[in-house]
Protein backbone atom coordinates (compact mmCIF):
# COMPACT_ATOMS: atom_id res chain seq x y z
CA UNK A 1 8.36 2.69 9.48
CA UNK A 2 10.09 4.69 6.31
CA UNK A 3 9.76 1.97 3.08
CA UNK A 4 11.46 3.00 -0.49
CA UNK A 5 8.26 1.37 -1.97
CA UNK A 6 8.76 2.11 -5.18
CA UNK A 7 11.60 0.86 -4.84
CA UNK A 8 9.56 -1.93 -3.00
CA UNK A 9 6.96 -1.70 -6.34
CA UNK A 10 9.93 -2.56 -8.35
CA UNK A 11 12.05 -6.10 -7.24
CA UNK A 12 8.90 -8.17 -6.51
CA UNK A 13 7.12 -9.92 -9.57
CA UNK A 14 4.02 -10.42 -7.60
CA UNK A 15 0.92 -8.40 -8.68
CA UNK A 16 -0.95 -8.19 -5.44
CA UNK A 17 2.52 -6.98 -3.45
CA UNK A 18 2.51 -5.07 -5.88
CA UNK A 19 -0.61 -2.56 -5.32
CA UNK A 20 -0.55 -2.94 -1.77
CA UNK A 21 2.46 -1.12 -2.16
CA UNK A 22 2.00 1.64 -4.20
CA UNK A 23 -1.47 1.56 -1.97
CA UNK A 24 1.40 2.08 0.81
CA UNK A 25 3.81 5.00 -1.24
CA UNK A 26 0.18 7.02 -2.03
CA UNK A 27 -0.68 6.72 2.02
CA UNK A 28 3.25 7.44 2.85
CA UNK A 29 2.54 10.86 0.70
CA UNK A 30 0.00 11.95 1.98
CA UNK A 31 -3.04 10.44 0.19
CA UNK A 32 -6.57 9.31 1.49
CA UNK A 33 -7.29 6.12 2.05
CA UNK A 34 -10.25 7.17 -0.59
CA UNK A 35 -7.64 8.59 -2.86
CA UNK A 36 -5.74 5.53 -3.22
CA UNK A 37 -8.95 2.73 -3.04
CA UNK A 38 -10.80 5.49 -5.83
CA UNK A 39 -6.59 5.92 -8.33
CA UNK A 40 -6.03 1.42 -7.67
CA UNK A 41 -9.49 0.69 -8.82
CA UNK A 42 -10.43 -1.45 -5.31
CA UNK A 43 -11.85 -1.19 -2.48
CA UNK A 44 -11.48 1.48 0.36
CA UNK A 45 -11.67 -1.74 2.55
CA UNK A 46 -9.23 -3.34 1.76
CA UNK A 47 -7.00 -0.12 1.20
CA UNK A 48 -7.49 0.24 4.41
CA UNK A 49 -7.04 -3.62 5.99
CA UNK A 50 -3.26 -3.31 4.07
CA UNK A 51 -2.53 0.67 5.78
CA UNK A 52 -3.76 -1.21 9.57
CA UNK A 53 -1.93 -4.44 8.32
CA UNK A 54 1.21 -2.30 7.61
CA UNK A 55 1.41 0.57 11.23
CA UNK A 56 0.37 -2.72 13.30
CA UNK A 57 3.64 -4.69 11.14
CA UNK A 58 5.71 -3.42 9.07
CA UNK A 59 5.71 -5.06 5.58
CA UNK A 60 5.05 -8.13 6.93
CA UNK A 61 2.27 -7.40 7.49
CA UNK A 62 0.53 -7.10 4.07
């Protein structure tokens, strides 16, 4: 799964979805889940859920 997250981030007005796309953009660049959580000021548990949902179900999982 290789998506253009920068385009997805710009194309949505849903703030929650935008944060999830941003987290996945960082994940696809090799950042750790802890680094992503600290950068976005969200819990590591949330990042784990988003990454797992994406890996299991793609963008529809978000």
